[in-house]
PDB file of N, CA and C in Angstrom:
ATOM      1  N   MET A   1      95.398 124.097 115.433  1.00  0.00           N
ATOM      2  CA  MET A   1      96.764 124.242 115.017  1.00  0.00           C
ATOM      3  C   MET A   1      97.655 123.307 115.823  1.00  0.00           C
ATOM      4  N   ILE A   2      98.593 122.634 115.153  1.00  0.00           N
ATOM      5  CA  ILE A   2      99.546 121.785 115.852  1.00  0.00           C
ATOM      6  C   ILE A   2     100.674 122.679 116.334  1.00  0.00           C
ATOM      7  N   THR A   3     101.017 122.548 117.588  1.00  0.00           N
ATOM      8  CA  THR A   3     102.049 123.401 118.164  1.00  0.00           C
ATOM      9  C   THR A   3     103.361 122.656 118.278  1.00  0.00           C
ATOM     10  N   LYS A   4     104.415 123.382 118.584  1.00  0.00           N
ATOM     11  CA  LYS A   4     105.732 122.795 118.726  1.00  0.00           C
ATOM     12  C   LYS A   4     105.749 121.731 119.813  1.00  0.00           C
ATOM     13  N   SER A   5     104.923 121.886 120.828  1.00  0.00           N
ATOM     14  CA  SER A   5     104.912 120.915 121.908  1.00  0.00           C
ATOM     15  C   SER A   5     104.177 119.629 121.534  1.00  0.00           C
ATOM     16  N   GLY A   6     103.494 119.608 120.389  1.00  0.00           N
ATOM     17  CA  GLY A   6     102.807 118.404 119.947  1.00  0.00           C
ATOM     18  C   GLY A   6     103.804 117.377 119.439  1.00  0.00           C
ATOM     19  N   PRO A   7     103.370 116.147 119.311  1.00  0.00           N
ATOM     20  CA  PRO A   7     104.275 115.096 118.856  1.00  0.00           C
ATOM     21  C   PRO A   7     104.475 115.139 117.338  1.00  0.00           C
ATOM     22  N   PRO A   8     105.580 114.580 116.853  1.00  0.00           N
ATOM     23  CA  PRO A   8     105.724 114.408 115.406  1.00  0.00           C
ATOM     24  C   PRO A   8     104.547 113.552 114.923  1.00  0.00           C
ATOM     25  N   THR A   9     104.086 113.810 113.723  1.00  0.00           N
ATOM     26  CA  THR A   9     102.885 113.138 113.224  1.00  0.00           C
ATOM     27  C   THR A   9     103.109 112.596 111.819  1.00  0.00           C
ATOM     28  N   VAL A  10     102.631 111.377 111.585  1.00  0.00           N
ATOM     29  CA  VAL A  10     102.629 110.815 110.243  1.00  0.00           C
ATOM     30  C   VAL A  10     101.165 110.642 109.843  1.00  0.00           C
ATOM     31  N   ILE A  11     100.813 111.095 108.645  1.00  0.00           N
ATOM     32  CA  ILE A  11      99.448 110.969 108.137  1.00  0.00           C
ATOM     33  C   ILE A  11      99.504 110.113 106.882  1.00  0.00           C
ATOM     34  N   LEU A  12      98.770 109.003 106.888  1.00  0.00           N
ATOM     35  CA  LEU A  12      98.693 108.090 105.748  1.00  0.00           C
ATOM     36  C   LEU A  12      97.212 107.910 105.432  1.00  0.00           C
ATOM     37  N   ILE A  13      96.760 108.449 104.318  1.00  0.00           N
ATOM     38  CA  ILE A  13      95.329 108.497 104.025  1.00  0.00           C
ATOM     39  C   ILE A  13      95.083 108.203 102.549  1.00  0.00           C
ATOM     40  N   GLY A  14      93.980 107.560 102.273  1.00  0.00           N
ATOM     41  CA  GLY A  14      93.591 107.296 100.894  1.00  0.00           C
ATOM     42  C   GLY A  14      92.859 108.489 100.302  1.00  0.00           C
ATOM     43  N   GLU A  15      93.167 108.820  99.084  1.00  0.00           N
ATOM     44  CA  GLU A  15      92.499 109.924  98.391  1.00  0.00           C
ATOM     45  C   GLU A  15      90.995 109.676  98.277  1.00  0.00           C
ATOM     46  N   ALA A  16      90.606 108.400  98.142  1.00  0.00           N
ATOM     47  CA  ALA A  16      89.187 108.047  97.983  1.00  0.00           C
ATOM     48  C   ALA A  16      88.524 107.681  99.313  1.00  0.00           C
ATOM     49  N   ASP A  17      89.156 107.994 100.431  1.00  0.00           N
ATOM     50  CA  ASP A  17      88.605 107.675 101.749  1.00  0.00           C
ATOM     51  C   ASP A  17      87.382 108.554 102.009  1.00  0.00           C
ATOM     52  N   GLU A  18      86.219 107.920 102.120  1.00  0.00           N
ATOM     53  CA  GLU A  18      84.976 108.653 102.365  1.00  0.00           C
ATOM     54  C   GLU A  18      84.707 108.826 103.856  1.00  0.00           C
ATOM     55  N   ALA A  19      85.320 107.988 104.691  1.00  0.00           N
ATOM     56  CA  ALA A  19      85.107 108.063 106.138  1.00  0.00           C
ATOM     57  C   ALA A  19      85.921 109.189 106.758  1.00  0.00           C
ATOM     58  N   ASN A  20      87.147 109.358 106.292  1.00  0.00           N
ATOM     59  CA  ASN A  20      88.051 110.404 106.776  1.00  0.00           C
ATOM     60  C   ASN A  20      88.656 111.092 105.552  1.00  0.00           C
ATOM     61  N   PRO A  21      87.995 112.096 105.036  1.00  0.00           N
ATOM     62  CA  PRO A  21      88.452 112.727 103.798  1.00  0.00           C
ATOM     63  C   PRO A  21      89.888 113.256 103.875  1.00  0.00           C
ATOM     64  N   ALA A  22      90.636 112.999 102.812  1.00  0.00           N
ATOM     65  CA  ALA A  22      92.026 113.442 102.731  1.00  0.00           C
ATOM     66  C   ALA A  22      92.133 114.960 102.846  1.00  0.00           C
ATOM     67  N   GLU A  23      91.102 115.660 102.410  1.00  0.00           N
ATOM     68  CA  GLU A  23      91.138 117.132 102.466  1.00  0.00           C
ATOM     69  C   GLU A  23      91.311 117.626 103.907  1.00  0.00           C
ATOM     70  N   ARG A  24      90.706 116.957 104.857  1.00  0.00           N
ATOM     71  CA  ARG A  24      90.872 117.355 106.264  1.00  0.00           C
ATOM     72  C   ARG A  24      92.331 117.231 106.690  1.00  0.00           C
ATOM     73  N   CYS A  25      92.994 116.185 106.226  1.00  0.00           N
ATOM     74  CA  CYS A  25      94.407 115.996 106.551  1.00  0.00           C
ATOM     75  C   CYS A  25      95.262 117.079 105.912  1.00  0.00           C
ATOM     76  N   ARG A  26      94.918 117.422 104.691  1.00  0.00           N
ATOM     77  CA  ARG A  26      95.650 118.507 104.017  1.00  0.00           C
ATOM     78  C   ARG A  26      95.496 119.818 104.792  1.00  0.00           C
ATOM     79  N   GLU A  27      94.321 120.060 105.324  1.00  0.00           N
ATOM     80  CA  GLU A  27      94.079 121.280 106.107  1.00  0.00           C
ATOM     81  C   GLU A  27      94.936 121.297 107.373  1.00  0.00           C
ATOM     82  N   ILE A  28      95.094 120.155 108.007  1.00  0.00           N
ATOM     83  CA  ILE A  28      95.945 120.072 109.196  1.00  0.00           C
ATOM     84  C   ILE A  28      97.364 120.508 108.849  1.00  0.00           C
ATOM     85  N   VAL A  29      97.859 120.017 107.743  1.00  0.00           N
ATOM     86  CA  VAL A  29      99.222 120.352 107.323  1.00  0.00           C
ATOM     87  C   VAL A  29      99.330 121.833 106.976  1.00  0.00           C
ATOM     88  N   VAL A  30      98.363 122.354 106.238  1.00  0.00           N
ATOM     89  CA  VAL A  30      98.383 123.760 105.830  1.00  0.00           C
ATOM     90  C   VAL A  30      98.341 124.691 107.042  1.00  0.00           C
ATOM     91  N   HIS A  31      97.573 124.309 108.061  1.00  0.00           N
ATOM     92  CA  HIS A  31      97.410 125.174 109.231  1.00  0.00           C
ATOM     93  C   HIS A  31      98.410 124.903 110.341  1.00  0.00           C
ATOM     94  N   ALA A  32      99.319 123.991 110.134  1.00  0.00           N
ATOM     95  CA  ALA A  32     100.329 123.701 111.157  1.00  0.00           C
ATOM     96  C   ALA A  32     101.317 124.867 111.249  1.00  0.00           C
ATOM     97  N   ARG A  33     101.832 125.073 112.427  1.00  0.00           N
ATOM     98  CA  ARG A  33     102.815 126.135 112.626  1.00  0.00           C
ATOM     99  C   ARG A  33     104.131 125.749 111.958  1.00  0.00           C
ATOM    100  N   PRO A  34     104.772 126.688 111.300  1.00  0.00           N
ATOM    101  CA  PRO A  34     106.050 126.381 110.646  1.00  0.00           C
ATOM    102  C   PRO A  34     107.119 125.933 111.641  1.00  0.00           C
ATOM    103  N   ASP A  35     107.036 126.398 112.876  1.00  0.00           N
ATOM    104  CA  ASP A  35     108.024 126.013 113.895  1.00  0.00           C
ATOM    105  C   ASP A  35     107.511 124.851 114.754  1.00  0.00           C
ATOM    106  N   GLY A  36     106.423 124.215 114.314  1.00  0.00           N
ATOM    107  CA  GLY A  36     105.820 123.128 115.067  1.00  0.00           C
ATOM    108  C   GLY A  36     106.505 121.792 114.830  1.00  0.00           C
ATOM    109  N   ALA A  37     105.964 120.781 115.478  1.00  0.00           N
ATOM    110  CA  ALA A  37     106.470 119.422 115.321  1.00  0.00           C
ATOM    111  C   ALA A  37     106.297 118.990 113.864  1.00  0.00           C
ATOM    112  N   PRO A  38     107.186 118.138 113.386  1.00  0.00           N
ATOM    113  CA  PRO A  38     107.081 117.712 111.989  1.00  0.00           C
ATOM    114  C   PRO A  38     105.818 116.898 111.702  1.00  0.00           C
ATOM    115  N   ILE A  39     105.268 117.125 110.521  1.00  0.00           N
ATOM    116  CA  ILE A  39     104.111 116.363 110.050  1.00  0.00           C
ATOM    117  C   ILE A  39     104.507 115.769 108.704  1.00  0.00           C
ATOM    118  N   ALA A  40     104.368 114.449 108.585  1.00  0.00           N
ATOM    119  CA  ALA A  40     104.730 113.750 107.347  1.00  0.00           C
ATOM    120  C   ALA A  40     103.462 113.192 106.703  1.00  0.00           C
ATOM    121  N   PRO A  41     102.854 113.931 105.753  1.00  0.00           N
ATOM    122  CA  PRO A  41     101.625 113.452 105.127  1.00  0.00           C
ATOM    123  C   PRO A  41     101.879 112.667 103.841  1.00  0.00           C
ATOM    124  N   THR A  42     101.086 111.632 103.625  1.00  0.00           N
ATOM    125  CA  THR A  42     101.073 110.905 102.356  1.00  0.00           C
ATOM    126  C   THR A  42      99.621 110.622 102.011  1.00  0.00           C
ATOM    127  N   VAL A  43      99.200 111.028 100.818  1.00  0.00           N
ATOM    128  CA  VAL A  43      97.860 110.745 100.320  1.00  0.00           C
ATOM    129  C   VAL A  43      98.020 109.762  99.162  1.00  0.00           C
ATOM    130  N   TYR A  44      97.372 108.587  99.293  1.00  0.00           N
ATOM    131  CA  TYR A  44      97.480 107.539  98.275  1.00  0.00           C
ATOM    132  C   TYR A  44      96.357 107.680  97.245  1.00  0.00           C
ATOM    133  N   PRO A  45      96.704 107.979  95.981  1.00  0.00           N
ATOM    134  CA  PRO A  45      95.686 108.122  94.937  1.00  0.00           C
ATOM    135  C   PRO A  45      94.875 106.835  94.771  1.00  0.00           C
ATOM    136  N   GLY A  46      93.561 106.986  94.712  1.00  0.00           N
ATOM    137  CA  GLY A  46      92.673 105.843  94.484  1.00  0.00           C
ATOM    138  C   GLY A  46      92.451 104.940  95.686  1.00  0.00           C
ATOM    139  N   ALA A  47      93.155 105.148  96.776  1.00  0.00           N
ATOM    140  CA  ALA A  47      93.017 104.281  97.949  1.00  0.00           C
ATOM    141  C   ALA A  47      91.819 104.700  98.793  1.00  0.00           C
ATOM    142  N   HIS A  48      91.108 103.696  99.287  1.00  0.00           N
ATOM    143  CA  HIS A  48      89.928 103.905 100.129  1.00  0.00           C
ATOM    144  C   HIS A  48      90.271 103.726 101.601  1.00  0.00           C
ATOM    145  N   HIS A  49      89.299 103.933 102.453  1.00  0.00           N
ATOM    146  CA  HIS A  49      89.426 103.645 103.882  1.00  0.00           C
ATOM    147  C   HIS A  49      89.754 102.162 104.032  1.00  0.00           C
ATOM    148  N   GLY A  50      90.624 101.823 104.959  1.00  0.00           N
ATOM    149  CA  GLY A  50      90.985 100.431 105.182  1.00  0.00           C
ATOM    150  C   GLY A  50      91.946  99.897 104.136  1.00  0.00           C
ATOM    151  N   PHE A  51      92.665 100.791 103.451  1.00  0.00           N
ATOM    152  CA  PHE A  51      93.558 100.355 102.382  1.00  0.00           C
ATOM    153  C   PHE A  51      94.641  99.395 102.854  1.00  0.00           C
ATOM    154  N   ASP A  52      94.873  99.336 104.167  1.00  0.00           N
ATOM    155  CA  ASP A  52      95.925  98.477 104.705  1.00  0.00           C
ATOM    156  C   ASP A  52      95.396  97.163 105.297  1.00  0.00           C
ATOM    157  N   VAL A  53      94.133  96.858 105.095  1.00  0.00           N
ATOM    158  CA  VAL A  53      93.521  95.651 105.655  1.00  0.00           C
ATOM    159  C   VAL A  53      93.333  94.631 104.533  1.00  0.00           C
ATOM    160  N   ALA A  54      94.197  93.611 104.525  1.00  0.00           N
ATOM    161  CA  ALA A  54      94.195  92.621 103.442  1.00  0.00           C
ATOM    162  C   ALA A  54      92.857  91.886 103.314  1.00  0.00           C
ATOM    163  N   GLN A  55      92.113  91.743 104.392  1.00  0.00           N
ATOM    164  CA  GLN A  55      90.817  91.061 104.345  1.00  0.00           C
ATOM    165  C   GLN A  55      89.788  91.835 103.521  1.00  0.00           C
ATOM    166  N   LEU A  56      90.093  93.074 103.167  1.00  0.00           N
ATOM    167  CA  LEU A  56      89.167  93.891 102.382  1.00  0.00           C
ATOM    168  C   LEU A  56      89.521  93.892 100.897  1.00  0.00           C
ATOM    169  N   THR A  57      90.213  92.838 100.433  1.00  0.00           N
ATOM    170  CA  THR A  57      90.655  92.754  99.037  1.00  0.00           C
ATOM    171  C   THR A  57      89.503  92.949  98.058  1.00  0.00           C
ATOM    172  N   LEU A  58      88.355  92.369  98.336  1.00  0.00           N
ATOM    173  CA  LEU A  58      87.214  92.503  97.429  1.00  0.00           C
ATOM    174  C   LEU A  58      86.482  93.829  97.596  1.00  0.00           C
ATOM    175  N   GLY A  59      86.755  94.534  98.665  1.00  0.00           N
ATOM    176  CA  GLY A  59      86.090  95.804  98.930  1.00  0.00           C
ATOM    177  C   GLY A  59      84.679  95.607  99.469  1.00  0.00           C
ATOM    178  N   ILE A  60      84.269  96.485 100.370  1.00  0.00           N
ATOM    179  CA  ILE A  60      82.923  96.444 100.942  1.00  0.00           C
ATOM    180  C   ILE A  60      82.464  97.870 101.209  1.00  0.00           C
ATOM    181  N   ARG A  61      81.180  97.994 101.450  1.00  0.00           N
ATOM    182  CA  ARG A  61      80.627  99.244 101.987  1.00  0.00           C
ATOM    183  C   ARG A  61      80.120  98.910 103.363  1.00  0.00           C
ATOM    184  N   TYR A  62      80.518  99.700 104.351  1.00  0.00           N
ATOM    185  CA  TYR A  62      80.077  99.468 105.715  1.00  0.00           C
ATOM    186  C   TYR A  62      79.604 100.787 106.298  1.00  0.00           C
ATOM    187  N   LEU A  63      78.334 100.862 106.616  1.00  0.00           N
ATOM    188  CA  LEU A  63      77.718 102.079 107.147  1.00  0.00           C
ATOM    189  C   LEU A  63      77.997 103.295 106.258  1.00  0.00           C
ATOM    190  N   GLY A  64      78.023 103.066 104.961  1.00  0.00           N
ATOM    191  CA  GLY A  64      78.192 104.162 104.009  1.00  0.00           C
ATOM    192  C   GLY A  64      79.512 104.155 103.263  1.00  0.00           C
ATOM    193  N   PRO A  65      80.647 104.353 103.966  1.00  0.00           N
ATOM    194  CA  PRO A  65      81.923 104.465 103.244  1.00  0.00           C
ATOM    195  C   PRO A  65      82.384 103.163 102.607  1.00  0.00           C
ATOM    196  N   SER A  66      83.058 103.305 101.497  1.00  0.00           N
ATOM    197  CA  SER A  66      83.668 102.171 100.808  1.00  0.00           C
ATOM    198  C   SER A  66      85.018 101.885 101.458  1.00  0.00           C
ATOM    199  N   MET A  67      85.299 100.607 101.668  1.00  0.00           N
ATOM    200  CA  MET A  67      86.572 100.181 102.232  1.00  0.00           C
ATOM    201  C   MET A  67      87.161  99.126 101.315  1.00  0.00           C
ATOM    202  N   GLU A  68      88.455  99.279 101.010  1.00  0.00           N
ATOM    203  CA  GLU A  68      89.075  98.343 100.088  1.00  0.00           C
ATOM    204  C   GLU A  68      90.589  98.318 100.277  1.00  0.00           C
ATOM    205  N   TYR A  69      91.142  97.108 100.273  1.00  0.00           N
ATOM    206  CA  TYR A  69      92.586  96.900 100.390  1.00  0.00           C
ATOM    207  C   TYR A  69      93.293  97.409  99.140  1.00  0.00           C
ATOM    208  N   ASN A  70      94.445  98.017  99.346  1.00  0.00           N
ATOM    209  CA  ASN A  70      95.289  98.490  98.254  1.00  0.00           C
ATOM    210  C   ASN A  70      96.711  98.055  98.588  1.00  0.00           C
ATOM    211  N   LYS A  71      97.163  96.986  97.943  1.00  0.00           N
ATOM    212  CA  LYS A  71      98.448  96.369  98.281  1.00  0.00           C
ATOM    213  C   LYS A  71      99.620  97.348  98.195  1.00  0.00           C
ATOM    214  N   ALA A  72      99.688  98.120  97.135  1.00  0.00           N
ATOM    215  CA  ALA A  72     100.800  99.063  96.959  1.00  0.00           C
ATOM    216  C   ALA A  72     100.796 100.134  98.050  1.00  0.00           C
ATOM    217  N   ALA A  73      99.625 100.684  98.344  1.00  0.00           N
ATOM    218  CA  ALA A  73      99.526 101.708  99.381  1.00  0.00           C
ATOM    219  C   ALA A  73      99.846 101.117 100.748  1.00  0.00           C
ATOM    220  N   ALA A  74      99.358  99.903 101.020  1.00  0.00           N
ATOM    221  CA  ALA A  74      99.611  99.254 102.306  1.00  0.00           C
ATOM    222  C   ALA A  74     101.101  99.006 102.507  1.00  0.00           C
ATOM    223  N   LYS A  75     101.780  98.544 101.465  1.00  0.00           N
ATOM    224  CA  LYS A  75     103.217  98.272 101.560  1.00  0.00           C
ATOM    225  C   LYS A  75     103.981  99.571 101.803  1.00  0.00           C
ATOM    226  N   ASP A  76     103.641 100.606 101.054  1.00  0.00           N
ATOM    227  CA  ASP A  76     104.309 101.887 101.226  1.00  0.00           C
ATOM    228  C   ASP A  76     104.040 102.464 102.614  1.00  0.00           C
ATOM    229  N   ALA A  77     102.807 102.348 103.079  1.00  0.00           N
ATOM    230  CA  ALA A  77     102.452 102.871 104.405  1.00  0.00           C
ATOM    231  C   ALA A  77     103.234 102.149 105.502  1.00  0.00           C
ATOM    232  N   GLU A  78     103.362 100.834 105.380  1.00  0.00           N
ATOM    233  CA  GLU A  78     104.121 100.083 106.379  1.00  0.00           C
ATOM    234  C   GLU A  78     105.575 100.561 106.414  1.00  0.00           C
ATOM    235  N   GLU A  79     106.168 100.745 105.248  1.00  0.00           N
ATOM    236  CA  GLU A  79     107.548 101.229 105.178  1.00  0.00           C
ATOM    237  C   GLU A  79     107.679 102.619 105.792  1.00  0.00           C
ATOM    238  N   LYS A  80     106.698 103.480 105.514  1.00  0.00           N
ATOM    239  CA  LYS A  80     106.739 104.841 106.065  1.00  0.00           C
ATOM    240  C   LYS A  80     106.579 104.839 107.592  1.00  0.00           C
ATOM    241  N   VAL A  81     105.711 103.981 108.107  1.00  0.00           N
ATOM    242  CA  VAL A  81     105.523 103.898 109.558  1.00  0.00           C
ATOM    243  C   VAL A  81     106.807 103.411 110.226  1.00  0.00           C
ATOM    244  N   LEU A  82     107.428 102.372 109.672  1.00  0.00           N
ATOM    245  CA  LEU A  82     108.676 101.857 110.256  1.00  0.00           C
ATOM    246  C   LEU A  82     109.772 102.913 110.238  1.00  0.00           C
ATOM    247  N   ALA A  83     109.891 103.649 109.130  1.00  0.00           N
ATOM    248  CA  ALA A  83     110.891 104.711 109.038  1.00  0.00           C
ATOM    249  C   ALA A  83     110.593 105.831 110.033  1.00  0.00           C
ATOM    250  N   PHE A  84     109.320 106.177 110.170  1.00  0.00           N
ATOM    251  CA  PHE A  84     108.899 107.225 111.104  1.00  0.00           C
ATOM    252  C   PHE A  84     109.227 106.821 112.543  1.00  0.00           C
ATOM    253  N   LEU A  85     108.891 105.589 112.897  1.00  0.00           N
ATOM    254  CA  LEU A  85     109.177 105.111 114.256  1.00  0.00           C
ATOM    255  C   LEU A  85     110.679 105.067 114.526  1.00  0.00           C
ATOM    256  N   ALA A  86     111.444 104.615 113.549  1.00  0.00           N
ATOM    257  CA  ALA A  86     112.894 104.561 113.709  1.00  0.00           C
ATOM    258  C   ALA A  86     113.462 105.965 113.906  1.00  0.00           C
ATOM    259  N   ALA A  87     112.940 106.924 113.146  1.00  0.00           N
ATOM    260  CA  ALA A  87     113.432 108.297 113.229  1.00  0.00           C
ATOM    261  C   ALA A  87     113.089 108.958 114.558  1.00  0.00           C
ATOM    262  N   HIS A  88     111.919 108.624 115.110  1.00  0.00           N
ATOM    263  CA  HIS A  88     111.459 109.334 116.296  1.00  0.00           C
ATOM    264  C   HIS A  88     111.554 108.535 117.598  1.00  0.00           C
ATOM    265  N   LEU A  89     111.666 107.219 117.484  1.00  0.00           N
ATOM    266  CA  LEU A  89     111.735 106.390 118.696  1.00  0.00           C
ATOM    267  C   LEU A  89     112.994 105.533 118.755  1.00  0.00           C
ATOM    268  N   GLY A  90     113.742 105.498 117.686  1.00  0.00           N
ATOM    269  CA  GLY A  90     114.947 104.690 117.645  1.00  0.00           C
ATOM    270  C   GLY A  90     114.728 103.390 116.900  1.00  0.00           C
ATOM    271  N   ARG A  91     115.812 102.759 116.528  1.00  0.00           N
ATOM    272  CA  ARG A  91     115.768 101.552 115.708  1.00  0.00           C
ATOM    273  C   ARG A  91     114.995 100.419 116.370  1.00  0.00           C
ATOM    274  N   ALA A  92     115.070 100.257 117.673  1.00  0.00           N
ATOM    275  CA  ALA A  92     114.401  99.160 118.358  1.00  0.00           C
ATOM    276  C   ALA A  92     112.894  99.170 118.119  1.00  0.00           C
ATOM    277  N   ALA A  93     112.330 100.318 117.871  1.00  0.00           N
ATOM    278  CA  ALA A  93     110.871 100.421 117.655  1.00  0.00           C
ATOM    279  C   ALA A  93     110.438  99.727 116.369  1.00  0.00           C
ATOM    280  N   THR A  94     111.342  99.518 115.425  1.00  0.00           N
ATOM    281  CA  THR A  94     110.982  98.926 114.145  1.00  0.00           C
ATOM    282  C   THR A  94     111.317  97.444 114.044  1.00  0.00           C
ATOM    283  N   GLU A  95     111.979  96.905 115.061  1.00  0.00           N
ATOM    284  CA  GLU A  95     112.345  95.488 115.023  1.00  0.00           C
ATOM    285  C   GLU A  95     111.135  94.628 115.290  1.00  0.00           C
ATOM    286  N   LYS A  96     110.985  93.584 114.469  1.00  0.00           N
ATOM    287  CA  LYS A  96     109.842  92.673 114.629  1.00  0.00           C
ATOM    288  C   LYS A  96     110.131  91.696 115.764  1.00  0.00           C
ATOM    289  N   PRO A  97     109.133  91.403 116.607  1.00  0.00           N
ATOM    290  CA  PRO A  97     109.351  90.474 117.716  1.00  0.00           C
ATOM    291  C   PRO A  97     109.605  89.052 117.208  1.00  0.00           C
ATOM    292  N   ASP A  98     110.383  88.321 117.970  1.00  0.00           N
ATOM    293  CA  ASP A  98     110.661  86.927 117.647  1.00  0.00           C
ATOM    294  C   ASP A  98     109.395  86.122 117.947  1.00  0.00           C
ATOM    295  N   THR A  99     108.880  85.403 116.955  1.00  0.00           N
ATOM    296  CA  THR A  99     107.625  84.672 117.124  1.00  0.00           C
ATOM    297  C   THR A  99     107.839  83.215 117.446  1.00  0.00           C
ATOM    298  N   GLN A 100     109.074  82.798 117.725  1.00  0.00           N
ATOM    299  CA  GLN A 100     109.350  81.389 118.020  1.00  0.00           C
ATOM    300  C   GLN A 100     109.081  81.073 119.467  1.00  0.00           C
TER     301      GLN A 100
END
């Protein structure tokens, strides 16, 4: 059970993830304490493990699970992570470093 003293949590998982089944994440949310730290879950339909890794565009199987890039899920996940960090750590956490 996640307790109030635990950190806020964001869960971004693919529905088709065979390495880390989405059902386990759903169970975490269901069993979380109502007065506990916030949990923000998102399950991406059809997305596999590694959905945010562009190099997996063609998809592969590695040690069993299927891994495949999902552009829409990756874009949404990035936006959700930036919003989550801004909400819990402040705006500076979402600013991209100057690469010049």
